[in-house]
Amino acid sequence: MASNVKYHGPAELPDTLPVFPLTGALLLPRGSLPLNIFEPRYLAMIDDALRGARLIGMIQPDETAPGALYSVGCVGRITQFQETGDGRYLIGLTGIARFRVLEELTVMTPYRQCRVSCDDFRVDFEPNAGADVDRDALLKTLAEYLRANRIEADWAGIREAPIEALVNGLSMMSPYGPKEKQALLEAADLKSRAELLIAVTEFALAEQGENGEKPLQ
């Protein structure tokens, strides 16, 4: 999914966002996230977003405190939209940039809204920033994981994928838990995210080797 609108810096994004708290959901800059929207409050959120800038904030609930959110999420632009005929929306989000929550607002809308800032994540507006990734190490670890879990993959497509799409795509699709997903989101740049993804996968493989179980959440 590609956006027709290009954003060049934090000043081009709003400082207030509707937020969609969803455990285990990871959206990264220029990544694509499909969502099935069915709760009335989030249907209302999508309706309102479509009437405006088509932007929402994906963020994970912080499970250590009831009702709390993690401090970092990612702005997504609605780039696909479909009504299902049974009251649901199927949407696709394209990641723009990460944001930091400054405060949650008291609002009349059924969905939550936050005052946010993208100032700490200017790197997200530069495609492939920090792209000196050890591609061979990443692919080696991926191959080991797929082999251990008997998963087939399109290796031709994987090898040809641009490094940013590869690292962010693998991070978003990874089967790890909320804490690991949040760490991948908050990684400083692409290289750091790739290194973290390798480390988490190697740890999962080691655990799997010890207990013979598939490493899931």
Protein backbone atom coordinates (compact mmCIF):
# COMPACT_ATOMS: atom_id res chain seq x y z
CA MET A 1 0.00 0.00 0.00
CA ALA A 2 1.36 3.38 -0.96
CA SER A 3 0.23 6.81 0.13
CA ASN A 4 -0.47 9.63 -2.31
CA VAL A 5 0.61 12.10 0.37
CA LYS A 6 4.27 12.49 1.32
CA TYR A 7 5.27 13.79 4.73
CA HIS A 8 8.67 15.41 5.10
CA GLY A 9 8.87 16.14 8.80
CA PRO A 10 7.05 16.28 12.15
CA ALA A 11 5.53 19.70 11.40
CA GLU A 12 3.40 18.14 8.66
CA LEU A 13 1.64 15.80 11.08
CA PRO A 14 -1.06 16.82 13.59
CA ASP A 15 -0.21 17.14 17.27
CA THR A 16 -3.46 15.42 18.25
CA LEU A 17 -4.31 11.91 17.06
CA PRO A 18 -7.08 9.39 17.59
CA VAL A 19 -5.36 6.27 18.88
CA PHE A 20 -6.13 2.62 18.30
CA PRO A 21 -4.71 0.53 21.17
CA LEU A 22 -4.10 -3.00 19.93
CA THR A 23 -1.91 -5.55 21.69
CA GLY A 24 0.68 -7.17 19.45
CA ALA A 25 0.03 -4.87 16.48
CA LEU A 26 3.17 -3.30 15.08
CA LEU A 27 3.17 -0.57 12.44
CA LEU A 28 6.46 0.87 11.19
CA PRO A 29 7.28 3.71 8.78
CA ARG A 30 6.34 2.78 5.21
CA GLY A 31 5.03 -0.57 6.43
CA SER A 32 1.53 -1.84 5.67
CA LEU A 33 -0.92 -3.07 8.29
CA PRO A 34 -4.33 -4.55 7.43
CA LEU A 35 -7.03 -4.17 10.08
CA ASN A 36 -10.54 -5.58 10.55
CA ILE A 37 -12.59 -2.87 12.28
CA PHE A 38 -15.82 -3.94 13.99
CA GLU A 39 -16.15 -2.25 17.40
CA PRO A 40 -18.54 0.74 17.20
CA ARG A 41 -16.02 3.15 18.78
CA TYR A 42 -13.39 2.30 16.20
CA LEU A 43 -15.89 2.39 13.34
CA ALA A 44 -16.61 5.96 14.52
CA MET A 45 -12.88 6.67 14.66
CA ILE A 46 -12.39 5.54 11.05
CA ASP A 47 -15.40 7.58 9.90
CA ASP A 48 -13.95 10.68 11.54
CA ALA A 49 -10.45 10.00 10.18
CA LEU A 50 -11.80 9.62 6.64
CA ARG A 51 -13.48 13.01 6.95
CA GLY A 52 -10.16 14.54 7.94
CA ALA A 53 -6.48 13.79 7.32
CA ARG A 54 -7.03 9.99 7.31
CA LEU A 55 -4.46 9.58 10.09
CA ILE A 56 -4.69 7.44 13.23
CA GLY A 57 -2.14 6.40 15.83
CA MET A 58 -1.43 2.69 16.33
CA ILE A 59 -0.22 1.99 19.84
CA GLN A 60 -0.04 -0.96 22.22
CA PRO A 61 -1.71 -1.04 25.63
CA ASP A 62 0.83 -1.21 28.44
CA GLU A 63 -0.23 -4.40 30.19
CA THR A 64 1.67 -3.49 33.37
CA ALA A 65 -0.95 -0.86 34.22
CA PRO A 66 -4.70 -1.17 33.50
CA GLY A 67 -5.80 1.34 30.89
CA ALA A 68 -2.30 2.65 30.25
CA LEU A 69 -0.64 2.95 26.87
CA TYR A 70 2.96 2.56 25.86
CA SER A 71 4.63 5.92 25.34
CA VAL A 72 5.54 5.32 21.68
CA GLY A 73 3.30 4.43 18.73
CA CYS A 74 3.24 4.97 14.98
CA VAL A 75 1.12 7.29 12.85
CA GLY A 76 -0.69 5.45 10.08
CA ARG A 77 -2.52 6.84 7.06
CA ILE A 78 -5.59 5.01 5.80
CA THR A 79 -4.60 4.01 2.29
CA GLN A 80 -7.17 1.25 1.75
CA PHE A 81 -10.81 1.13 2.79
CA GLN A 82 -13.57 -1.40 2.17
CA GLU A 83 -17.04 -1.92 3.62
CA THR A 84 -17.93 -5.58 4.16
CA GLY A 85 -21.73 -5.37 4.09
CA ASP A 86 -22.04 -6.73 7.64
CA GLY A 87 -21.04 -3.58 9.50
CA ARG A 88 -17.28 -4.00 9.44
CA TYR A 89 -14.54 -2.02 7.71
CA LEU A 90 -11.45 -3.59 6.22
CA ILE A 91 -8.74 -0.96 6.13
CA GLY A 92 -5.07 -0.78 5.32
CA LEU A 93 -2.69 1.56 7.10
CA THR A 94 0.61 2.81 5.73
CA GLY A 95 3.08 3.80 8.44
CA ILE A 96 4.32 7.40 8.39
CA ALA A 97 6.43 8.02 11.50
CA ARG A 98 6.61 7.09 15.14
CA PHE A 99 5.23 9.40 17.79
CA ARG A 100 5.66 9.92 21.51
CA VAL A 101 2.56 10.39 23.66
CA LEU A 102 2.71 13.67 25.56
CA GLU A 103 -0.66 13.30 27.24
CA GLU A 104 -3.99 11.56 26.82
CA LEU A 105 -6.81 14.02 26.29
CA THR A 106 -10.24 14.15 27.89
CA VAL A 107 -12.57 13.94 24.90
CA MET A 108 -16.23 13.41 24.01
CA THR A 109 -15.48 10.90 21.26
CA PRO A 110 -16.01 7.19 21.99
CA TYR A 111 -12.38 6.54 21.05
CA ARG A 112 -9.26 7.78 22.80
CA GLN A 113 -7.17 10.73 21.62
CA CYS A 114 -3.68 11.83 22.58
CA ARG A 115 -1.48 14.85 22.19
CA VAL A 116 1.64 13.56 20.50
CA SER A 117 4.98 14.61 19.07
CA CYS A 118 7.08 13.08 16.29
CA ASP A 119 10.05 15.34 17.02
CA ASP A 120 12.11 12.49 18.51
CA PHE A 121 11.68 10.43 15.33
CA ARG A 122 12.81 12.69 12.50
CA VAL A 123 14.82 9.74 11.17
CA ASP A 124 11.50 8.10 10.18
CA PHE A 125 10.94 10.65 7.42
CA GLU A 126 14.15 9.54 5.67
CA PRO A 127 13.65 6.21 3.84
CA ASN A 128 16.39 3.68 4.57
CA ALA A 129 17.97 5.77 7.35
CA GLY A 130 20.45 3.60 9.24
CA ALA A 131 20.36 1.08 6.40
CA ASP A 132 23.87 -0.33 6.85
CA VAL A 133 22.24 -3.57 7.94
CA ASP A 134 24.06 -6.93 7.96
CA ARG A 135 21.71 -8.44 5.40
CA ASP A 136 23.52 -11.79 5.34
CA ALA A 137 23.20 -12.20 9.12
CA LEU A 138 19.50 -11.30 8.97
CA LEU A 139 18.79 -13.78 6.18
CA LYS A 140 20.80 -16.51 7.93
CA THR A 141 18.78 -16.10 11.12
CA LEU A 142 15.53 -15.99 9.16
CA ALA A 143 16.45 -19.19 7.33
CA GLU A 144 17.20 -20.95 10.62
CA TYR A 145 13.88 -19.85 12.07
CA LEU A 146 11.89 -20.94 9.02
CA ARG A 147 13.67 -24.28 8.89
CA ALA A 148 13.11 -24.93 12.61
CA ASN A 149 9.41 -24.20 12.23
CA ARG A 150 8.97 -25.93 8.85
CA ILE A 151 7.75 -22.74 7.17
CA GLU A 152 8.08 -22.24 3.43
CA ALA A 153 9.10 -18.82 2.11
CA ASP A 154 9.47 -16.98 -1.18
CA TRP A 155 13.24 -16.70 -1.06
CA ALA A 156 13.47 -15.00 -4.44
CA GLY A 157 11.21 -12.22 -3.20
CA ILE A 158 13.02 -12.03 0.15
CA ARG A 159 16.44 -11.68 -1.47
CA GLU A 160 15.21 -8.97 -3.84
CA ALA A 161 13.34 -6.95 -1.20
CA PRO A 162 14.78 -3.51 -0.34
CA ILE A 163 16.45 -3.65 3.05
CA GLU A 164 14.00 -1.30 4.77
CA ALA A 165 11.01 -3.28 3.52
CA LEU A 166 12.71 -6.51 4.58
CA VAL A 167 13.62 -5.42 8.12
CA ASN A 168 10.33 -3.66 8.85
CA GLY A 169 8.23 -6.34 7.18
CA LEU A 170 9.88 -9.13 9.17
CA SER A 171 9.54 -7.10 12.37
CA MET A 172 5.83 -6.49 11.78
CA MET A 173 5.15 -10.14 10.92
CA SER A 174 7.27 -11.57 13.73
CA PRO A 175 5.41 -13.87 16.14
CA TYR A 176 6.86 -12.34 19.29
CA GLY A 177 5.05 -10.84 22.25
CA PRO A 178 4.05 -7.23 22.98
CA LYS A 179 7.28 -6.34 24.79
CA GLU A 180 9.43 -7.55 21.92
CA LYS A 181 7.19 -5.78 19.40
CA GLN A 182 7.48 -2.57 21.39
CA ALA A 183 11.26 -2.88 21.51
CA LEU A 184 11.34 -3.33 17.73
CA LEU A 185 9.16 -0.24 17.34
CA GLU A 186 11.39 1.87 19.57
CA ALA A 187 14.70 0.78 18.00
CA ALA A 188 16.73 3.87 17.09
CA ASP A 189 17.07 3.10 13.39
CA LEU A 190 16.90 0.34 10.80
CA LYS A 191 20.27 -1.16 11.74
CA SER A 192 19.33 -1.29 15.43
CA ARG A 193 15.98 -2.86 14.59
CA ALA A 194 17.62 -5.54 12.45
CA GLU A 195 20.14 -6.35 15.17
CA LEU A 196 17.36 -6.61 17.75
CA LEU A 197 15.28 -8.81 15.46
CA ILE A 198 18.24 -11.16 14.99
CA ALA A 199 18.88 -11.30 18.74
CA VAL A 200 15.23 -11.98 19.61
CA THR A 201 14.99 -14.68 16.94
CA GLU A 202 18.20 -16.37 18.08
CA PHE A 203 16.89 -16.37 21.65
CA ALA A 204 13.59 -17.90 20.49
CA LEU A 205 15.46 -20.58 18.55
CA ALA A 206 17.59 -21.40 21.58
CA GLU A 207 14.48 -21.74 23.75
CA GLN A 208 12.82 -23.87 21.12
CA GLY A 209 15.86 -26.13 20.98
CA GLU A 210 15.71 -26.60 24.74
CA ASN A 211 12.04 -27.46 25.11
CA GLY A 212 11.09 -28.62 21.63
CA GLU A 213 8.20 -26.17 21.37
CA LYS A 214 7.46 -23.59 18.72
CA PRO A 215 8.44 -20.11 20.01
CA LEU A 216 5.28 -18.07 20.07
CA GLN A 217 3.95 -15.28 22.23
